[in-house]
């Protein structure tokens, strides 16, 4: 896929960005950005179907995944970056096969909850959900998946992709950036497919993702549920959007 001149220039800075643990105005010593993590996997059998009705973190609601059937054959990762608690997820099982959800503040073992969701059709709340939380505006979301060998497209939703392909990269705005995947101490086991939200972004948002084993990735960036940028490469995948 072709890239704009700004993307090419930005891609040329990837090594420097990852080497200095940040980008934007974060410099060589970026702030420690908190991260909320949800990991959903089949609890029995080889697959499961579910819907993420909403996610709440830091007093905001993230709803762009609502109404989307997600099929998982392994670990499906969802993150909310640059936010604090309380946080929670409302999930609805769409098939008869249960899922196990692990959730908590990334890197804090004592803060991790584990719940098996096994009631089809019922909206189940995990963690803390407040009825008056406002919608996150803008709502920034990045989806990353790995196509099967010999294919060029994949989806984080329908299971059409490799589960567990290791990642490395970063996500951030003009103020700060957080490393994701293998370079991050608290995401060392993260693989595809993965969804990243970025809370309260300023000015613009940029996302970089690379497969640790140099396989092809597809990276998509959404703002308020609308696709803004996409990249697909065996090297650095870079997407960005002004806000």
Foldseek 3Di string as FASTA:
>chain_A
DDDDPVQVVVVVCFVVQVVLQKDQPQGSPRDDKWKKKKKKAFPDDQKFKKFWQWKDFQLAIDGLRGPAIAMDRGIEMEMEIRTHDDIKTWMATADQTKMKMWIAIQPDVVGIDIDIDGDHPDTDMDGDDDPPRYHAVFKKKKWKFAADPPDFDADRGYHRGDPQQFKWWWKAANRIIHIATCVDPRRPRDDPTYMYIYGPHPFKMKIKMAGPVLGKMKMWMDINNHTDDIAIGSGITMDMDTD
